[in-house]
Amino acid sequence: MLPSLLPCPGPLPAAVARFTMRMLNKYVRLAFCGLGLIAAPAAVPTKGPSTLPATALPAYGRYRLTEAKQLELISSAVHFGFSFEGPQCEIFASLPDAGSHNYLQYELDGVYQRRLRIDGNAKNPLTITAPGPGRHTVWVYKATEAHTGPIFVQKITGQRLKALREPAAPLIEFIGNSITCGAAMDASEVPCGTGAYHDQHNAYQAYGPRVARALHTRFVLSSVSGIGAYRNWNSDGPTMPQVYEKTDFQEASPQRWDFSAFTPQVVSIALGTNDLSNGDGKRPRLPFDSAQFVGRYVGFVGLVKSKYPKARIALLSSPMANGQNRTKLQNCLTAVKARTDAAHPADQPVALFFFQPMQPRGCSGHPNVEDHATLAKELEPFFRPLVGKE
């Protein structure tokens, strides 16, 4: 029991007061321990949600930072990465047009997950849920091409966020048309022939990113559906040589791309499918002009070389070109190589790759997801020595 304390007529001496308080604390603790009521040490509060602003996100591909400090994702498969802790994080993204929609797609902890639809009038952020506790890595990709319109990213919220940079590795730039974009390839959510054109885009699964992942290299895509070297699918232009220097591949755009942003070791160019096509059947279409095609193509290769003097140039044929068109394209690309090598004798020679004939199984005669996997498998041994992976 507690000792009785006699009333004191005046203040206790300091030493007596300290002794008395120690004794009281001792007996109080013993009493509470006996009752099982002793308090546990105070828990350290967990770190609350944090914010990663768009300006802190390094992007790979064609992008720009807007005056409002948003990250504007422009080109196919342009991407950024970050890590977080806990069960989920949120991506705040928007579109310039309230009546439109667009798509992102993402990897979580190195595994591809799915596409994320963004509606122009959406008010809520996109939520990424992790399968368990701990630290997680996320890489976010624009699923659609530049002509679909940009996606603006404002910020990321979550626990202990950290922006990620790609590890040092060779970079391949893939220039091309709808095939390179990964257009019309994925009808898993919206069937072919329905929805908008970009509803079947899946840039992450296109042959270029697949090759890069297989070879542990980095990549950027510079591609536009329907585009050609001297004429497009259903028009005379603007063609790739006319829009390549513009950030968003739009001829009238005032924004010019800063080619010092990335330095590819290899530039892969796959043009010709649309030059050879019969068009849309509505506009007049002259027969394919091989001289014009070769001349414009040689000029475009020269333009690319002026941007990346040390890059190895690789020319790819088309898996959609069969029969006589396949032969024409291969002959033209061989001529482009010969003229380019002669004009640049001190440079590494242009590399050529001809796809095997394919009957595409995607929408509107394009390769589908499985077809792109086949194309990537064909290309791996071709690109391996070009990026020093022998």
Protein backbone atom coordinates (compact mmCIF):
# COMPACT_ATOMS: atom_id res chain seq x y z
CA MET A 1 0.00 0.00 0.00
CA LEU A 2 1.01 3.59 -0.47
CA PRO A 3 2.75 5.24 2.54
CA SER A 4 0.72 7.88 4.37
CA LEU A 5 1.85 11.41 3.78
CA LEU A 6 1.54 13.88 6.66
CA PRO A 7 0.36 17.35 5.78
CA CYS A 8 3.23 19.80 5.67
CA PRO A 9 2.87 23.30 7.02
CA GLY A 10 5.12 24.77 4.31
CA PRO A 11 6.97 23.90 1.10
CA LEU A 12 9.03 20.70 1.20
CA PRO A 13 12.80 21.00 0.84
CA ALA A 14 13.87 20.24 -2.77
CA ALA A 15 15.63 16.94 -1.95
CA VAL A 16 12.61 15.70 0.01
CA ALA A 17 10.24 16.70 -2.80
CA ARG A 18 12.27 14.83 -5.41
CA PHE A 19 12.40 11.69 -3.21
CA THR A 20 8.67 11.87 -2.59
CA MET A 21 7.87 12.13 -6.33
CA ARG A 22 10.13 9.16 -7.14
CA MET A 23 8.37 7.05 -4.56
CA LEU A 24 4.93 8.06 -5.84
CA ASN A 25 5.89 7.22 -9.43
CA LYS A 26 7.25 3.84 -8.33
CA TYR A 27 4.10 2.83 -6.50
CA VAL A 28 1.80 4.15 -9.22
CA ARG A 29 3.68 2.17 -11.89
CA LEU A 30 3.55 -0.98 -9.77
CA ALA A 31 -0.18 -0.52 -9.25
CA PHE A 32 -0.90 -0.06 -12.93
CA CYS A 33 1.35 -2.98 -13.92
CA GLY A 34 -0.62 -5.19 -11.58
CA LEU A 35 -3.76 -4.17 -13.39
CA GLY A 36 -2.18 -4.62 -16.83
CA LEU A 37 -2.63 -0.94 -17.59
CA ILE A 38 0.93 0.21 -18.12
CA ALA A 39 1.07 2.35 -21.26
CA ALA A 40 3.20 1.26 -24.26
CA PRO A 41 5.72 3.71 -25.73
CA ALA A 42 4.09 6.23 -28.09
CA ALA A 43 4.05 5.03 -31.71
CA VAL A 44 6.04 7.04 -34.27
CA PRO A 45 3.54 8.56 -36.70
CA THR A 46 3.84 7.31 -40.29
CA LYS A 47 4.76 9.71 -43.03
CA GLY A 48 1.70 11.25 -44.63
CA PRO A 49 0.93 11.51 -48.35
CA SER A 50 3.51 13.39 -50.36
CA THR A 51 3.43 15.00 -53.78
CA LEU A 52 5.75 14.65 -56.75
CA PRO A 53 5.24 17.61 -59.10
CA ALA A 54 5.34 17.09 -62.85
CA THR A 55 8.48 19.21 -63.06
CA ALA A 56 10.35 16.54 -61.08
CA LEU A 57 9.53 13.73 -63.55
CA PRO A 58 12.21 13.01 -66.19
CA ALA A 59 10.43 11.97 -69.41
CA TYR A 60 11.70 9.86 -72.31
CA GLY A 61 10.23 10.57 -75.72
CA ARG A 62 8.72 13.74 -77.08
CA TYR A 63 7.36 15.94 -74.33
CA ARG A 64 7.47 19.48 -73.04
CA LEU A 65 6.96 21.31 -69.76
CA THR A 66 4.16 23.83 -70.09
CA GLU A 67 4.04 27.32 -68.64
CA ALA A 68 1.64 25.93 -66.04
CA LYS A 69 4.42 23.49 -65.02
CA GLN A 70 2.60 20.45 -66.36
CA LEU A 71 4.31 17.57 -68.14
CA GLU A 72 2.85 17.39 -71.65
CA LEU A 73 3.17 13.84 -73.00
CA ILE A 74 3.21 13.98 -76.81
CA SER A 75 4.67 11.04 -78.72
CA SER A 76 3.83 7.35 -78.72
CA ALA A 77 5.18 5.54 -75.63
CA VAL A 78 6.72 8.69 -74.13
CA HIS A 79 7.23 7.62 -70.53
CA PHE A 80 8.30 8.49 -67.00
CA GLY A 81 8.89 6.53 -63.81
CA PHE A 82 8.60 6.87 -60.05
CA SER A 83 8.52 4.76 -56.91
CA PHE A 84 6.24 4.88 -53.88
CA GLU A 85 5.51 3.04 -50.65
CA GLY A 86 2.23 1.71 -49.38
CA PRO A 87 -0.93 0.38 -50.99
CA GLN A 88 -1.51 2.93 -53.76
CA CYS A 89 -0.60 6.16 -55.52
CA GLU A 90 -2.51 8.60 -57.69
CA ILE A 91 -1.72 10.24 -61.04
CA PHE A 92 -3.34 13.58 -61.73
CA ALA A 93 -3.73 13.85 -65.52
CA SER A 94 -5.95 15.84 -67.86
CA LEU A 95 -6.69 16.52 -71.53
CA PRO A 96 -6.99 19.82 -73.41
CA ASP A 97 -10.44 18.92 -74.75
CA ALA A 98 -13.24 18.10 -72.30
CA GLY A 99 -15.05 16.04 -74.93
CA SER A 100 -12.12 13.77 -75.81
CA HIS A 101 -10.45 10.75 -74.27
CA ASN A 102 -6.96 9.28 -74.31
CA TYR A 103 -4.93 6.46 -72.77
CA LEU A 104 -1.96 5.86 -70.54
CA GLN A 105 -0.60 2.42 -69.70
CA TYR A 106 1.78 1.29 -67.00
CA GLU A 107 4.20 -1.22 -65.53
CA LEU A 108 4.11 -2.01 -61.81
CA ASP A 109 7.23 -3.57 -60.28
CA GLY A 110 8.48 -4.49 -63.75
CA VAL A 111 5.25 -6.18 -64.89
CA TYR A 112 2.95 -4.68 -67.52
CA GLN A 113 -0.53 -4.05 -66.14
CA ARG A 114 -3.08 -2.38 -68.42
CA ARG A 115 -4.24 0.75 -70.19
CA LEU A 116 -5.83 3.59 -68.23
CA ARG A 117 -8.50 5.65 -69.97
CA ILE A 118 -8.55 9.39 -69.32
CA ASP A 119 -11.73 11.28 -70.11
CA GLY A 120 -11.49 14.97 -70.85
CA ASN A 121 -14.11 15.88 -68.27
CA ALA A 122 -12.83 13.55 -65.52
CA LYS A 123 -12.47 15.07 -62.06
CA ASN A 124 -10.75 12.24 -60.20
CA PRO A 125 -7.11 11.12 -60.46
CA LEU A 126 -6.00 7.74 -61.79
CA THR A 127 -5.31 5.30 -58.93
CA ILE A 128 -2.62 2.64 -59.10
CA THR A 129 -3.05 -0.07 -56.47
CA ALA A 130 -0.11 -2.20 -55.32
CA PRO A 131 -0.51 -5.90 -54.49
CA GLY A 132 1.12 -5.50 -51.07
CA PRO A 133 3.17 -3.31 -48.73
CA GLY A 134 6.70 -2.10 -49.35
CA ARG A 135 8.27 0.01 -52.08
CA HIS A 136 6.95 -0.23 -55.63
CA THR A 137 8.15 1.09 -58.98
CA VAL A 138 5.86 2.43 -61.69
CA TRP A 139 6.62 3.32 -65.31
CA VAL A 140 3.85 5.18 -67.11
CA TYR A 141 3.59 5.28 -70.94
CA LYS A 142 1.42 7.22 -73.35
CA ALA A 143 -0.46 4.51 -75.23
CA THR A 144 -1.38 6.72 -78.18
CA GLU A 145 0.42 8.78 -80.80
CA ALA A 146 1.12 12.51 -81.06
CA HIS A 147 -1.75 13.19 -83.49
CA THR A 148 -4.21 11.80 -80.93
CA GLY A 149 -3.42 14.82 -78.77
CA PRO A 150 -1.37 15.39 -75.64
CA ILE A 151 -1.91 14.20 -72.09
CA PHE A 152 -1.03 16.64 -69.33
CA VAL A 153 0.32 15.32 -66.03
CA GLN A 154 0.10 17.68 -63.07
CA LYS A 155 1.46 15.60 -60.19
CA ILE A 156 1.74 12.24 -58.46
CA THR A 157 0.58 11.71 -54.89
CA GLY A 158 1.44 8.84 -52.57
CA GLN A 159 3.81 7.78 -49.79
CA ARG A 160 7.55 8.44 -50.00
CA LEU A 161 7.55 9.25 -53.70
CA LYS A 162 10.73 9.34 -55.73
CA ALA A 163 11.21 10.13 -59.42
CA LEU A 164 13.13 7.52 -61.43
CA ARG A 165 15.65 7.86 -64.23
CA GLU A 166 16.38 5.17 -66.76
CA PRO A 167 19.70 3.40 -66.20
CA ALA A 168 22.49 4.13 -68.65
CA ALA A 169 22.06 1.99 -71.78
CA PRO A 170 22.11 2.41 -75.57
CA LEU A 171 19.12 4.28 -76.98
CA ILE A 172 17.20 3.32 -80.14
CA GLU A 173 14.92 5.83 -81.85
CA PHE A 174 12.20 4.14 -83.88
CA ILE A 175 10.84 6.33 -86.70
CA GLY A 176 7.83 5.08 -88.61
CA ASN A 177 4.12 5.01 -89.30
CA SER A 178 1.08 3.40 -87.66
CA ILE A 179 2.87 0.08 -87.19
CA THR A 180 5.62 1.77 -85.19
CA CYS A 181 2.94 3.65 -83.21
CA GLY A 182 1.31 0.38 -82.17
CA ALA A 183 -1.93 1.57 -83.77
CA ALA A 184 -4.92 -0.66 -84.53
CA MET A 185 -3.27 -3.58 -82.72
CA ASP A 186 -5.21 -4.10 -79.48
CA ALA A 187 -8.93 -4.82 -79.71
CA SER A 188 -9.14 -6.38 -76.25
CA GLU A 189 -11.24 -3.51 -74.87
CA VAL A 190 -12.78 -1.86 -77.94
CA PRO A 191 -13.49 -4.16 -80.92
CA CYS A 192 -12.14 -3.35 -84.37
CA GLY A 193 -14.42 -1.08 -86.33
CA THR A 194 -15.87 0.56 -83.24
CA GLY A 195 -14.90 3.53 -81.13
CA ALA A 196 -12.25 6.07 -82.09
CA TYR A 197 -9.11 5.25 -84.09
CA HIS A 198 -6.86 5.45 -81.02
CA ASP A 199 -9.02 3.09 -78.94
CA GLN A 200 -6.92 0.19 -80.26
CA HIS A 201 -3.52 1.88 -79.78
CA ASN A 202 -1.01 0.10 -77.52
CA ALA A 203 2.41 1.68 -77.99
CA TYR A 204 3.98 -0.28 -75.12
CA GLN A 205 3.37 -3.57 -76.95
CA ALA A 206 4.63 -2.35 -80.35
CA TYR A 207 7.69 -3.99 -81.89
CA GLY A 208 10.10 -1.13 -81.01
CA PRO A 209 9.58 -1.10 -77.24
CA ARG A 210 9.53 -4.91 -77.27
CA VAL A 211 12.93 -5.05 -78.98
CA ALA A 212 14.34 -2.47 -76.57
CA ARG A 213 13.13 -4.39 -73.52
CA ALA A 214 14.49 -7.67 -74.88
CA LEU A 215 17.92 -6.11 -75.48
CA HIS A 216 17.89 -4.04 -72.26
CA THR A 217 18.22 -0.81 -74.20
CA ARG A 218 16.27 2.43 -74.01
CA PHE A 219 13.91 3.69 -76.69
CA VAL A 220 11.91 6.61 -78.03
CA LEU A 221 9.25 6.48 -80.77
CA SER A 222 8.91 9.12 -83.51
CA SER A 223 5.94 7.88 -85.47
CA VAL A 224 2.74 9.03 -87.16
CA SER A 225 -0.10 6.89 -88.54
CA GLY A 226 -0.54 7.07 -92.30
CA ILE A 227 2.73 8.91 -92.92
CA GLY A 228 5.26 8.23 -95.65
CA ALA A 229 8.58 9.36 -97.10
CA TYR A 230 7.24 11.21 -100.16
CA ARG A 231 3.45 10.81 -99.79
CA ASN A 232 1.03 9.63 -97.13
CA TRP A 233 -1.72 7.02 -97.08
CA ASN A 234 -4.36 9.33 -98.55
CA SER A 235 -2.58 12.63 -99.18
CA ASP A 236 0.56 14.15 -100.63
CA GLY A 237 1.69 15.39 -97.25
CA PRO A 238 2.90 16.59 -94.90
CA THR A 239 5.29 13.64 -94.88
CA MET A 240 7.77 12.55 -92.24
CA PRO A 241 10.62 14.67 -93.65
CA GLN A 242 8.34 17.70 -93.32
CA VAL A 243 7.24 17.12 -89.70
CA TYR A 244 10.16 15.30 -88.06
CA GLU A 245 11.66 18.48 -86.63
CA LYS A 246 8.38 19.57 -85.02
CA THR A 247 7.83 18.44 -81.43
CA ASP A 248 4.31 17.13 -82.11
CA PHE A 249 4.87 16.12 -85.77
CA GLN A 250 2.44 18.81 -86.93
CA GLU A 251 3.73 20.88 -89.86
CA ALA A 252 2.11 24.11 -88.66
CA SER A 253 3.33 23.74 -85.08
CA PRO A 254 5.65 26.49 -83.79
CA GLN A 255 7.33 24.05 -81.39
CA ARG A 256 10.59 22.61 -82.73
CA TRP A 257 12.03 19.54 -81.05
CA ASP A 258 15.32 19.88 -79.18
CA PHE A 259 17.40 17.06 -80.62
CA SER A 260 19.98 17.43 -77.86
CA ALA A 261 17.45 15.93 -75.41
CA PHE A 262 18.41 12.37 -76.41
CA THR A 263 21.31 10.86 -78.33
CA PRO A 264 20.38 7.55 -79.94
CA GLN A 265 23.03 5.01 -80.78
CA VAL A 266 20.76 3.60 -83.49
CA VAL A 267 18.00 5.29 -85.50
CA SER A 268 15.57 2.80 -87.02
CA ILE A 269 13.47 4.11 -89.93
CA ALA A 270 10.46 2.17 -91.22
CA LEU A 271 8.70 4.10 -93.98
CA GLY A 272 7.17 2.96 -97.26
CA THR A 273 3.95 1.18 -96.37
CA ASN A 274 1.89 4.30 -97.00
CA ASP A 275 3.88 5.49 -100.01
CA LEU A 276 3.05 2.17 -101.69
CA SER A 277 -0.61 2.05 -100.66
CA ASN A 278 -3.53 2.64 -103.01
CA GLY A 279 -4.93 5.35 -100.75
CA ASP A 280 -8.45 5.65 -99.41
CA GLY A 281 -10.12 5.13 -102.80
CA LYS A 282 -11.63 8.62 -102.66
CA ARG A 283 -8.78 10.92 -103.64
CA PRO A 284 -6.88 10.61 -106.93
CA ARG A 285 -3.74 8.48 -106.50
CA LEU A 286 -0.90 8.30 -108.99
CA PRO A 287 1.13 5.10 -109.34
CA PHE A 288 4.03 4.65 -106.93
CA ASP A 289 7.05 6.72 -108.01
CA SER A 290 10.19 4.88 -106.97
CA ALA A 291 12.49 7.74 -108.00
CA GLN A 292 10.62 10.22 -105.81
CA PHE A 293 10.50 7.76 -102.95
CA VAL A 294 14.23 7.04 -103.04
CA GLY A 295 15.16 10.71 -103.45
CA ARG A 296 13.01 11.89 -100.54
CA TYR A 297 14.12 8.99 -98.38
CA VAL A 298 17.82 9.73 -99.00
CA GLY A 299 17.18 13.35 -98.09
CA PHE A 300 15.43 12.31 -94.88
CA VAL A 301 18.28 10.02 -93.86
CA GLY A 302 20.58 12.99 -94.37
CA LEU A 303 18.37 15.08 -92.10
CA VAL A 304 18.52 12.42 -89.38
CA LYS A 305 22.29 12.22 -89.74
CA SER A 306 22.54 15.98 -89.29
CA LYS A 307 20.74 15.61 -85.93
CA TYR A 308 22.68 12.54 -84.77
CA PRO A 309 26.05 12.43 -86.61
CA LYS A 310 27.29 9.37 -84.71
CA ALA A 311 24.12 7.27 -84.84
CA ARG A 312 23.91 4.07 -86.87
CA ILE A 313 21.05 4.21 -89.37
CA ALA A 314 18.88 1.12 -89.84
CA LEU A 315 16.20 0.88 -92.55
CA LEU A 316 13.32 -1.55 -92.08
CA SER A 317 10.90 -2.77 -94.73
CA SER A 318 7.21 -3.32 -94.02
CA PRO A 319 5.45 -6.46 -92.76
CA MET A 320 2.32 -5.19 -94.51
CA ALA A 321 3.94 -5.02 -97.95
CA ASN A 322 3.52 -8.29 -99.85
CA GLY A 323 4.00 -9.51 -103.41
CA GLN A 324 5.20 -6.88 -105.88
CA ASN A 325 5.05 -4.12 -103.28
CA ARG A 326 7.42 -6.05 -101.04
CA THR A 327 9.91 -6.40 -103.90
CA LYS A 328 9.58 -2.71 -104.84
CA LEU A 329 10.18 -1.58 -101.27
CA GLN A 330 13.20 -3.82 -100.78
CA ASN A 331 14.74 -2.57 -104.03
CA CYS A 332 14.11 1.04 -103.06
CA LEU A 333 15.62 0.62 -99.60
CA THR A 334 18.66 -1.02 -101.14
CA ALA A 335 19.03 2.03 -103.37
CA VAL A 336 18.65 4.38 -100.39
CA LYS A 337 21.42 2.51 -98.59
CA ALA A 338 23.73 2.63 -101.62
CA ARG A 339 23.26 6.37 -102.15
CA THR A 340 23.59 7.19 -98.45
CA ASP A 341 26.73 5.10 -98.00
CA ALA A 342 28.28 6.73 -101.06
CA ALA A 343 27.46 10.21 -99.75
CA HIS A 344 28.86 9.45 -96.26
CA PRO A 345 31.86 7.15 -96.82
CA ALA A 346 33.37 7.89 -93.39
CA ASP A 347 30.20 6.84 -91.55
CA GLN A 348 29.14 3.34 -90.60
CA PRO A 349 27.15 1.81 -93.46
CA VAL A 350 23.37 1.85 -93.36
CA ALA A 351 21.93 -1.43 -92.06
CA LEU A 352 19.00 -3.08 -93.88
CA PHE A 353 16.33 -5.42 -92.54
CA PHE A 354 13.56 -7.02 -94.59
CA PHE A 355 10.60 -8.46 -92.67
CA GLN A 356 9.21 -11.87 -93.55
CA PRO A 357 5.78 -11.73 -95.27
CA MET A 358 2.94 -11.48 -92.79
CA GLN A 359 -0.83 -11.62 -92.87
CA PRO A 360 -1.64 -9.08 -90.16
CA ARG A 361 -4.45 -9.94 -87.74
CA GLY A 362 -5.12 -6.54 -86.19
CA CYS A 363 -7.65 -3.87 -87.07
CA SER A 364 -7.78 -2.51 -90.65
CA GLY A 365 -5.00 -4.78 -91.86
CA HIS A 366 -2.48 -3.90 -89.13
CA PRO A 367 -0.41 -6.30 -87.02
CA ASN A 368 -2.04 -7.18 -83.70
CA VAL A 369 -0.39 -7.66 -80.29
CA GLU A 370 0.78 -11.18 -81.12
CA ASP A 371 2.00 -10.09 -84.56
CA HIS A 372 4.13 -7.37 -82.95
CA ALA A 373 5.68 -10.00 -80.70
CA THR A 374 6.61 -11.94 -83.86
CA LEU A 375 8.09 -8.82 -85.49
CA ALA A 376 10.15 -8.09 -82.39
CA LYS A 377 11.51 -11.64 -82.35
CA GLU A 378 12.60 -11.21 -85.97
CA LEU A 379 14.30 -7.92 -85.18
CA GLU A 380 16.19 -8.89 -82.02
CA PRO A 381 19.17 -10.56 -83.75
CA PHE A 382 19.33 -7.68 -86.25
CA PHE A 383 19.51 -4.95 -83.59
CA ARG A 384 21.70 -6.87 -81.14
CA PRO A 385 25.05 -6.11 -82.83
CA LEU A 386 23.95 -2.57 -83.71
CA VAL A 387 23.66 -1.71 -79.99
CA GLY A 388 26.76 -3.68 -78.99
CA LYS A 389 24.92 -6.58 -77.40
CA GLU A 390 26.73 -9.38 -79.24
